[in-house]
């Protein structure tokens, strides 16, 4: 088992009885709302702790097992047992308790409170408790919190709700919010993933008025500096080679501000060194970035390494850019299958089908491409050599070249989808999105 996270043993006991349960933090006076289907909240990773759950119903046991597979619980060790509070009391009568216990009870009111009192008698000081019940009773909730229970969830629930509850118990209330990470990756080289990442990030900053940092992680060949018409002397490689030095002050020096709300963490785009950097280093650097800005766009290179895999799996949103050809179809299917299996509680990756309609080039029709993958594209972008070429050569965004083009409309739509935010009603140059850009098959 993993080592339990350190808990302060001086926490006060139950107000009305000696108890080892850790006192609950300040919480809202009502059970947490059930998340809507498809919600993907930004949740902090859970530290290295041991969690043991005792369930009464198979449905709750299955939901907790799904929670245990969540990427944000990767460092924690969660085991699920059946038997409810009675089994927990029996188990801990001669066994030390872990840092966190989750118990399910179908009891309500005084009966549930009495059973929890019996659990308190066998728990060590500092143990945290999350109760799963079947009664959406505000009076019961308040009494549980008053007695020192840390959270109360009502079944049935989404597995992410359990992850979020656990994360909130161990989050530093003084720490800044964690920014949403959006990873862009191409199904093959030349699919246009970087261009789409940069334009989507630009649209989020311009139309949602949200601070965005674009991180160009194609260290030897990145195009972020070219696309934003910047030539910074320093960038992300300087942080990766000395991650222990990176703080908010140094980060501000390494970033180049492109607009009022958008900053670029540029790649060196030189071949004078080997970029052999481990995944933990990338994680450390990006953790600092995510604590500094509400939205982080990760422009990932087309390669499969431990660090690219880790960053993809840990991102809040993923955008896969493909072109309508056989190699891209195969690679996209492999990517989607891998990502869905490893991220069972996250929203599915968004598919962008790019460069559709190249003159005289045989291609797989959009309908067939979607049917082979079992999912519709979030966006289908027509090929427009003149528009993309002008933007690339001038170091401009598509929006700056032709805000009324179908491609610019599509970029705004994608920015809204991946950020989870709507464009301002009076946003400049924001005509309605054409239906054929939204991946509708026909």
Protein backbone atom coordinates (compact mmCIF):
# COMPACT_ATOMS: atom_id res chain seq x y z
CA UNK A 1 0.00 0.00 0.00
CA UNK A 2 1.06 3.58 -0.57
CA UNK A 3 2.14 5.68 2.36
CA UNK A 4 -0.72 7.69 3.83
CA UNK A 5 -0.65 11.46 3.50
CA UNK A 6 0.36 13.19 6.74
CA UNK A 7 -2.63 14.28 8.81
CA UNK A 8 -2.45 16.68 11.74
CA UNK A 9 -3.14 14.57 14.88
CA UNK A 10 -4.22 17.65 16.83
CA UNK A 11 -7.52 18.06 15.00
CA UNK A 12 -10.49 18.40 17.40
CA UNK A 13 -12.83 15.41 18.06
CA UNK A 14 -16.59 15.22 17.70
CA UNK A 15 -18.26 18.14 19.53
CA UNK A 16 -20.50 15.78 21.51
CA UNK A 17 -18.35 12.66 21.92
CA UNK A 18 -14.70 11.66 21.91
CA UNK A 19 -13.89 10.68 18.35
CA UNK A 20 -10.82 10.32 16.13
CA UNK A 21 -12.57 11.59 13.00
CA UNK A 22 -10.86 14.68 11.67
CA UNK A 23 -13.05 17.76 11.93
CA UNK A 24 -14.59 18.77 8.65
CA UNK A 25 -13.37 21.88 6.83
CA UNK A 26 -15.73 24.76 6.09
CA UNK A 27 -18.25 23.50 3.56
CA UNK A 28 -21.49 24.56 1.96
CA UNK A 29 -24.58 23.61 3.96
CA UNK A 30 -25.94 21.23 1.32
CA UNK A 31 -24.86 18.07 -0.46
CA UNK A 32 -22.81 18.63 -3.61
CA UNK A 33 -24.85 18.72 -6.79
CA UNK A 34 -24.58 15.82 -9.17
CA UNK A 35 -22.37 16.76 -12.14
CA UNK A 36 -24.12 16.87 -15.48
CA UNK A 37 -23.17 14.22 -18.05
CA UNK A 38 -20.08 15.25 -19.98
CA UNK A 39 -18.85 17.66 -17.31
CA UNK A 40 -15.09 17.65 -16.98
CA UNK A 41 -14.19 19.83 -14.00
CA UNK A 42 -10.61 20.85 -13.30
CA UNK A 43 -9.73 18.68 -10.31
CA UNK A 44 -6.40 18.69 -8.53
CA UNK A 45 -4.51 15.38 -8.40
CA UNK A 46 -4.87 13.52 -5.11
CA UNK A 47 -1.64 13.06 -3.11
CA UNK A 48 -0.09 9.72 -2.21
CA UNK A 49 -2.63 8.41 0.32
CA UNK A 50 -4.29 5.12 1.22
CA UNK A 51 -8.08 4.99 0.87
CA UNK A 52 -10.31 2.10 1.92
CA UNK A 53 -13.98 1.92 1.02
CA UNK A 54 -16.72 -0.29 2.51
CA UNK A 55 -19.89 -0.57 0.40
CA UNK A 56 -23.32 -2.08 0.91
CA UNK A 57 -24.55 -2.12 -2.70
CA UNK A 58 -22.84 -3.45 -5.84
CA UNK A 59 -23.69 -0.27 -7.75
CA UNK A 60 -21.72 1.93 -5.35
CA UNK A 61 -18.86 -0.59 -5.35
CA UNK A 62 -18.64 -0.44 -9.14
CA UNK A 63 -18.73 3.36 -9.12
CA UNK A 64 -15.89 3.47 -6.58
CA UNK A 65 -13.88 1.02 -8.66
CA UNK A 66 -14.28 3.39 -11.61
CA UNK A 67 -13.16 6.25 -9.41
CA UNK A 68 -10.04 4.28 -8.49
CA UNK A 69 -9.11 4.15 -12.18
CA UNK A 70 -9.24 7.92 -12.52
CA UNK A 71 -6.02 9.67 -13.62
CA UNK A 72 -6.26 12.09 -10.68
CA UNK A 73 -6.05 9.18 -8.23
CA UNK A 74 -2.92 7.76 -9.87
CA UNK A 75 -0.77 8.32 -6.77
CA UNK A 76 -3.41 7.15 -4.29
CA UNK A 77 -4.24 3.54 -3.42
CA UNK A 78 -7.99 2.88 -3.20
CA UNK A 79 -9.35 -0.54 -2.28
CA UNK A 80 -13.05 -1.42 -2.21
CA UNK A 81 -14.65 -3.92 0.21
CA UNK A 82 -18.27 -4.94 0.75
CA UNK A 83 -20.10 -4.92 4.07
CA UNK A 84 -20.65 -1.23 4.81
CA UNK A 85 -20.01 0.36 8.18
CA UNK A 86 -20.34 -2.96 10.04
CA UNK A 87 -17.51 -4.51 8.03
CA UNK A 88 -15.38 -1.40 8.58
CA UNK A 89 -15.89 -1.56 12.37
CA UNK A 90 -14.96 -5.24 12.42
CA UNK A 91 -11.91 -4.70 10.21
CA UNK A 92 -10.48 -1.79 12.17
CA UNK A 93 -11.06 -3.28 15.61
CA UNK A 94 -7.56 -4.73 15.40
CA UNK A 95 -6.11 -2.90 12.36
CA UNK A 96 -4.80 0.69 12.04
CA UNK A 97 -7.02 2.96 9.98
CA UNK A 98 -5.78 4.61 6.76
CA UNK A 99 -5.81 8.32 6.03
CA UNK A 100 -9.28 8.18 4.43
CA UNK A 101 -12.23 5.81 4.85
CA UNK A 102 -15.29 5.84 2.58
CA UNK A 103 -18.36 4.07 3.92
CA UNK A 104 -21.76 3.47 2.37
CA UNK A 105 -24.91 3.22 4.49
CA UNK A 106 -28.54 2.71 3.52
CA UNK A 107 -29.58 3.82 6.98
CA UNK A 108 -30.89 7.31 7.63
CA UNK A 109 -31.20 9.76 10.50
CA UNK A 110 -30.41 8.59 14.02
CA UNK A 111 -29.57 5.04 12.90
CA UNK A 112 -26.82 6.22 10.55
CA UNK A 113 -25.38 8.55 13.19
CA UNK A 114 -25.30 5.71 15.72
CA UNK A 115 -23.49 3.38 13.32
CA UNK A 116 -20.91 6.09 12.62
CA UNK A 117 -20.35 6.50 16.37
CA UNK A 118 -19.38 2.83 16.51
CA UNK A 119 -16.93 3.40 13.63
CA UNK A 120 -15.42 6.38 15.43
CA UNK A 121 -14.56 4.19 18.38
CA UNK A 122 -12.13 2.07 16.30
CA UNK A 123 -10.59 4.83 14.16
CA UNK A 124 -7.19 6.38 14.74
CA UNK A 125 -6.80 10.11 15.33
CA UNK A 126 -6.75 12.14 12.14
CA UNK A 127 -8.69 9.68 9.98
CA UNK A 128 -10.93 11.38 7.46
CA UNK A 129 -14.38 10.04 6.64
CA UNK A 130 -16.57 10.32 3.55
CA UNK A 131 -20.07 8.89 3.87
CA UNK A 132 -22.16 7.68 0.93
CA UNK A 133 -25.86 7.56 1.70
CA UNK A 134 -29.16 7.11 -0.08
CA UNK A 135 -31.10 9.90 1.62
CA UNK A 136 -30.91 13.42 0.20
CA UNK A 137 -31.62 14.92 3.63
CA UNK A 138 -30.18 18.34 4.41
CA UNK A 139 -30.74 17.85 8.14
CA UNK A 140 -28.78 14.60 8.10
CA UNK A 141 -26.03 16.26 6.06
CA UNK A 142 -25.64 19.09 8.55
CA UNK A 143 -25.56 16.67 11.48
CA UNK A 144 -22.87 14.55 9.79
CA UNK A 145 -20.73 17.61 9.13
CA UNK A 146 -21.26 18.80 12.71
CA UNK A 147 -20.01 15.45 13.95
CA UNK A 148 -16.82 15.76 11.91
CA UNK A 149 -17.62 13.73 8.79
CA UNK A 150 -15.73 15.35 5.93
CA UNK A 151 -18.24 14.90 3.12
CA UNK A 152 -21.56 13.25 2.35
CA UNK A 153 -22.41 12.00 -1.14
CA UNK A 154 -25.83 10.81 -2.24
CA UNK A 155 -26.05 7.68 -4.40
CA UNK A 156 -26.29 7.27 -7.32
CA UNK A 157 -23.37 9.49 -8.24
CA UNK A 158 -20.84 10.07 -10.97
CA UNK A 159 -17.39 8.55 -10.23
CA UNK A 160 -15.86 11.98 -10.85
CA UNK A 161 -17.88 13.28 -7.90
CA UNK A 162 -15.95 10.93 -5.59
CA UNK A 163 -12.62 12.03 -7.08
CA UNK A 164 -13.55 15.68 -6.64
CA UNK A 165 -14.62 15.10 -3.03
CA UNK A 166 -11.33 13.39 -2.18
CA UNK A 167 -9.32 16.06 -4.00
CA UNK A 168 -11.05 18.85 -2.09
CA UNK A 169 -10.16 17.21 1.24
CA UNK A 170 -6.45 17.46 0.49
CA UNK A 171 -6.31 20.67 -1.54
CA UNK A 172 -4.48 23.65 -0.07
CA UNK A 173 -7.17 26.34 0.34
CA UNK A 174 -4.49 29.01 -0.12
CA UNK A 175 -3.22 27.59 -3.43
CA UNK A 176 -4.26 29.37 -6.63
CA UNK A 177 -6.83 27.65 -8.87
CA UNK A 178 -5.55 25.04 -11.28
CA UNK A 179 -5.79 26.10 -14.92
CA UNK A 180 -7.55 23.92 -17.48
CA UNK A 181 -5.09 22.10 -19.72
CA UNK A 182 -6.06 21.48 -23.37
CA UNK A 183 -3.72 19.17 -25.29
CA UNK A 184 -3.56 19.25 -29.10
CA UNK A 185 -1.93 16.38 -30.97
CA UNK A 186 -1.82 15.37 -34.63
CA UNK A 187 -2.74 11.88 -35.79
CA UNK A 188 0.13 12.19 -38.23
CA UNK A 189 2.81 14.71 -39.11
CA UNK A 190 1.55 17.65 -41.13
CA UNK A 191 -2.08 17.27 -40.04
CA UNK A 192 -2.14 20.91 -38.88
CA UNK A 193 -2.45 20.30 -35.13
CA UNK A 194 -0.12 23.15 -34.18
CA UNK A 195 -1.94 25.67 -36.36
CA UNK A 196 -5.27 24.64 -34.85
CA UNK A 197 -3.85 24.74 -31.30
CA UNK A 198 -2.49 28.25 -31.75
CA UNK A 199 -5.66 29.58 -33.37
CA UNK A 200 -7.96 27.96 -30.80
CA UNK A 201 -5.86 29.38 -27.96
CA UNK A 202 -5.95 32.80 -29.58
CA UNK A 203 -9.75 32.65 -29.92
CA UNK A 204 -10.17 31.65 -26.26
CA UNK A 205 -8.09 34.65 -25.20
CA UNK A 206 -9.81 37.09 -27.55
CA UNK A 207 -13.46 36.02 -27.40
CA UNK A 208 -13.70 34.63 -23.87
CA UNK A 209 -11.37 37.28 -22.38
CA UNK A 210 -9.52 34.50 -20.60
CA UNK A 211 -5.77 34.50 -19.95
CA UNK A 212 -4.16 31.74 -22.01
CA UNK A 213 -0.62 30.36 -22.18
CA UNK A 214 0.30 28.39 -25.30
CA UNK A 215 3.11 25.93 -24.54
CA UNK A 216 5.01 24.80 -27.64
CA UNK A 217 6.41 21.38 -26.74
CA UNK A 218 7.86 20.50 -30.14
CA UNK A 219 11.28 21.51 -28.83
CA UNK A 220 13.40 21.08 -32.00
CA UNK A 221 10.83 22.07 -34.64
CA UNK A 222 8.11 24.12 -32.89
CA UNK A 223 6.28 26.77 -34.93
CA UNK A 224 4.75 28.79 -32.09
CA UNK A 225 7.24 31.62 -32.46
CA UNK A 226 6.62 31.80 -36.22
CA UNK A 227 2.82 31.66 -35.96
CA UNK A 228 2.72 34.45 -33.37
CA UNK A 229 5.50 36.46 -35.09
CA UNK A 230 7.78 36.25 -32.04
CA UNK A 231 11.48 35.46 -31.64
CA UNK A 232 12.04 35.03 -27.89
CA UNK A 233 15.55 34.43 -26.61
CA UNK A 234 14.27 32.10 -23.89
CA UNK A 235 11.41 29.70 -23.53
CA UNK A 236 10.14 26.36 -22.33
CA UNK A 237 13.49 24.55 -22.78
CA UNK A 238 15.14 26.87 -20.22
CA UNK A 239 12.52 25.83 -17.68
CA UNK A 240 12.80 22.14 -18.54
CA UNK A 241 16.58 22.10 -18.02
CA UNK A 242 16.28 23.74 -14.59
CA UNK A 243 12.78 22.90 -13.27
CA UNK A 244 13.79 23.46 -9.64
CA UNK A 245 14.36 27.16 -10.39
CA UNK A 246 10.99 27.79 -12.01
CA UNK A 247 8.62 29.98 -10.03
CA UNK A 248 6.11 32.69 -10.91
CA UNK A 249 8.82 35.33 -11.27
CA UNK A 250 11.04 33.29 -13.60
CA UNK A 251 8.02 32.07 -15.56
CA UNK A 252 7.01 35.66 -16.25
CA UNK A 253 10.48 36.33 -17.64
CA UNK A 254 10.43 33.26 -19.88
CA UNK A 255 6.99 33.89 -21.37
CA UNK A 256 6.49 36.24 -24.29
CA UNK A 257 3.26 38.21 -24.26
CA UNK A 258 1.60 38.10 -27.68
CA UNK A 259 -1.68 39.89 -26.83
CA UNK A 260 -3.34 41.29 -23.73
CA UNK A 261 -4.59 37.84 -22.72
CA UNK A 262 -2.26 35.41 -24.52
CA UNK A 263 1.31 34.43 -23.69
CA UNK A 264 3.63 32.02 -25.50
CA UNK A 265 6.00 29.55 -23.86
CA UNK A 266 8.08 29.08 -26.97
CA UNK A 267 10.14 26.11 -28.12
CA UNK A 268 13.80 26.80 -28.97
CA UNK A 269 13.34 25.27 -32.46
CA UNK A 270 17.08 24.61 -32.76
CA UNK A 271 19.09 21.43 -33.28
CA UNK A 272 22.16 22.29 -31.20
CA UNK A 273 21.20 19.96 -28.34
CA UNK A 274 19.48 16.68 -27.60
CA UNK A 275 16.13 17.03 -25.84
CA UNK A 276 16.23 14.00 -23.57
CA UNK A 277 13.92 15.11 -20.75
CA UNK A 278 11.96 12.84 -18.43
CA UNK A 279 8.22 12.98 -17.87
CA UNK A 280 8.49 14.13 -14.24
CA UNK A 281 10.30 17.27 -15.40
CA UNK A 282 7.54 18.14 -17.85
CA UNK A 283 5.00 17.58 -15.07
CA UNK A 284 6.85 19.91 -12.67
CA UNK A 285 7.14 22.72 -15.21
CA UNK A 286 3.56 22.50 -16.44
CA UNK A 287 2.28 22.42 -12.86
CA UNK A 288 3.79 25.88 -12.35
CA UNK A 289 2.23 27.10 -15.60
CA UNK A 290 -1.22 25.73 -14.68
CA UNK A 291 -1.13 27.57 -11.36
CA UNK A 292 -0.41 30.86 -13.13
CA UNK A 293 -3.16 31.04 -15.75
CA UNK A 294 -6.77 29.81 -16.17
CA UNK A 295 -6.15 28.07 -19.52
CA UNK A 296 -3.06 26.23 -20.81
CA UNK A 297 -2.88 25.08 -24.44
CA UNK A 298 -0.36 22.26 -24.94
CA UNK A 299 0.94 21.98 -28.49
CA UNK A 300 2.31 18.42 -28.51
CA UNK A 301 4.60 17.04 -31.22
CA UNK A 302 3.63 14.01 -33.28
CA UNK A 303 5.58 11.38 -31.34
CA UNK A 304 4.81 8.68 -28.78
CA UNK A 305 7.13 8.91 -25.77
CA UNK A 306 6.55 8.48 -22.03
CA UNK A 307 6.21 12.25 -21.55
CA UNK A 308 3.84 12.88 -24.47
CA UNK A 309 1.68 9.97 -23.33
CA UNK A 310 1.65 11.25 -19.73
CA UNK A 311 0.73 14.80 -20.74
CA UNK A 312 -2.07 13.56 -22.97
CA UNK A 313 -3.53 11.29 -20.32
CA UNK A 314 -3.43 14.02 -17.65
CA UNK A 315 -4.93 16.83 -19.74
CA UNK A 316 -8.44 18.08 -19.03
CA UNK A 317 -9.35 18.20 -22.73
CA UNK A 318 -7.73 16.55 -25.75
CA UNK A 319 -8.01 17.54 -29.41
CA UNK A 320 -6.83 15.06 -32.07
CA UNK A 321 -6.32 16.54 -35.52
CA UNK A 322 -6.53 14.16 -38.48
CA UNK A 323 -6.57 14.37 -42.27
CA UNK A 324 -8.96 12.26 -44.42
CA UNK A 325 -6.49 9.52 -45.40
CA UNK A 326 -5.90 5.91 -44.40
CA UNK A 327 -2.78 6.40 -42.25
CA UNK A 328 -4.49 9.19 -40.34
CA UNK A 329 -7.59 7.02 -39.84
CA UNK A 330 -5.52 4.16 -38.42
CA UNK A 331 -3.53 6.44 -36.11
CA UNK A 332 -6.63 8.29 -34.94
CA UNK A 333 -8.38 5.04 -34.03
CA UNK A 334 -5.33 3.88 -32.07
CA UNK A 335 -5.15 7.21 -30.24
CA UNK A 336 -8.86 7.34 -29.42
CA UNK A 337 -8.96 3.73 -28.21
CA UNK A 338 -5.91 4.25 -25.98
CA UNK A 339 -7.13 7.55 -24.54
CA UNK A 340 -10.67 6.34 -23.86
CA UNK A 341 -9.43 3.21 -22.09
CA UNK A 342 -7.00 5.15 -19.89
CA UNK A 343 -9.43 8.00 -19.09
CA UNK A 344 -12.77 6.30 -18.26
CA UNK A 345 -14.14 9.27 -16.31
CA UNK A 346 -13.13 12.04 -18.73
CA UNK A 347 -14.82 13.55 -21.72
CA UNK A 348 -13.90 11.81 -24.96
CA UNK A 349 -11.20 13.47 -27.11
CA UNK A 350 -12.43 15.98 -29.67
CA UNK A 351 -11.72 15.07 -33.28
CA UNK A 352 -10.87 17.73 -35.86
CA UNK A 353 -10.85 16.58 -39.48
CA UNK A 354 -8.58 19.00 -41.30
CA UNK A 355 -7.59 19.67 -44.93
CA UNK A 356 -10.82 18.30 -46.38
CA UNK A 357 -11.35 18.81 -50.10
CA UNK A 358 -7.81 19.08 -51.46
CA UNK A 359 -8.12 19.32 -55.23
CA UNK A 360 -7.47 16.03 -57.10
CA UNK A 361 -6.40 14.24 -53.90
CA UNK A 362 -8.28 11.01 -53.15
CA UNK A 363 -9.62 11.07 -49.60
CA UNK A 364 -11.91 9.17 -47.27
CA UNK A 365 -15.36 10.82 -47.11
CA UNK A 366 -16.22 12.46 -43.78
CA UNK A 367 -19.15 10.09 -43.23
CA UNK A 368 -16.99 6.99 -43.74
CA UNK A 369 -14.19 8.39 -41.59
CA UNK A 370 -16.60 9.04 -38.72
CA UNK A 371 -18.31 5.64 -39.03
CA UNK A 372 -14.96 3.82 -38.92
CA UNK A 373 -14.09 5.62 -35.68
CA UNK A 374 -17.53 5.43 -34.12
CA UNK A 375 -17.60 9.17 -33.41
CA UNK A 376 -18.47 12.39 -35.20
CA UNK A 377 -15.83 15.10 -35.65
CA UNK A 378 -16.21 18.17 -33.47
CA UNK A 379 -15.07 20.20 -36.46
CA UNK A 380 -14.48 19.65 -40.17
CA UNK A 381 -12.19 22.22 -41.77
CA UNK A 382 -12.02 22.73 -45.54
CA UNK A 383 -8.66 23.03 -47.24
CA UNK A 384 -7.78 26.67 -47.95
CA UNK A 385 -4.17 26.94 -49.09
CA UNK A 386 -4.25 30.69 -49.69
CA UNK A 387 -5.68 31.52 -46.26
CA UNK A 388 -3.36 29.24 -44.29
CA UNK A 389 -0.36 30.27 -46.36
CA UNK A 390 -0.95 33.98 -45.86
CA UNK A 391 -1.45 33.56 -42.12
CA UNK A 392 1.69 31.44 -41.75
CA UNK A 393 3.90 33.73 -43.82
CA UNK A 394 2.69 36.87 -42.02
CA UNK A 395 2.84 35.41 -38.50
CA UNK A 396 -0.89 35.98 -38.04
CA UNK A 397 -3.89 34.04 -36.85
CA UNK A 398 -6.59 32.96 -39.31
CA UNK A 399 -8.95 35.40 -37.61
CA UNK A 400 -6.61 38.31 -38.32
CA UNK A 401 -6.39 37.44 -42.02
CA UNK A 402 -10.09 36.78 -42.69
CA UNK A 403 -12.44 36.81 -39.69
CA UNK A 404 -15.45 35.90 -41.85
CA UNK A 405 -13.94 32.84 -43.46
CA UNK A 406 -15.39 29.40 -42.75
CA UNK A 407 -12.09 28.39 -41.17
CA UNK A 408 -12.15 31.33 -38.74
CA UNK A 409 -15.72 30.49 -37.78
CA UNK A 410 -14.65 26.89 -37.16
CA UNK A 411 -11.76 27.98 -34.94
CA UNK A 412 -14.13 30.03 -32.80
CA UNK A 413 -16.50 27.08 -32.50
CA UNK A 414 -13.66 24.77 -31.42
CA UNK A 415 -12.43 27.32 -28.87
CA UNK A 416 -15.90 27.39 -27.31
CA UNK A 417 -16.13 23.58 -27.22
CA UNK A 418 -12.75 22.90 -25.59
CA UNK A 419 -12.91 25.80 -23.13
CA UNK A 420 -16.48 25.05 -22.07
CA UNK A 421 -17.34 28.73 -22.44
CA UNK A 422 -19.56 30.66 -24.78
CA UNK A 423 -18.36 33.49 -26.97
CA UNK A 424 -19.54 36.96 -26.01
CA UNK A 425 -22.74 37.83 -27.88
CA UNK A 426 -21.19 41.01 -29.25
CA UNK A 427 -17.81 39.46 -30.13
CA UNK A 428 -16.24 41.20 -33.09
CA UNK A 429 -16.32 39.33 -36.37
CA UNK A 430 -18.32 36.42 -34.95
CA UNK A 431 -20.94 35.40 -37.52
CA UNK A 432 -22.98 32.23 -37.02
CA UNK A 433 -21.20 28.88 -37.42
CA UNK A 434 -22.07 27.05 -40.62
CA UNK A 435 -23.52 23.60 -40.06
CA UNK A 436 -21.00 21.84 -42.28
CA UNK A 437 -18.19 23.06 -40.00
CA UNK A 438 -19.67 21.28 -37.01
CA UNK A 439 -18.92 17.80 -38.24
CA UNK A 440 -22.44 17.01 -39.42
CA UNK A 441 -22.40 14.18 -41.84
CA UNK A 442 -24.25 14.30 -45.08
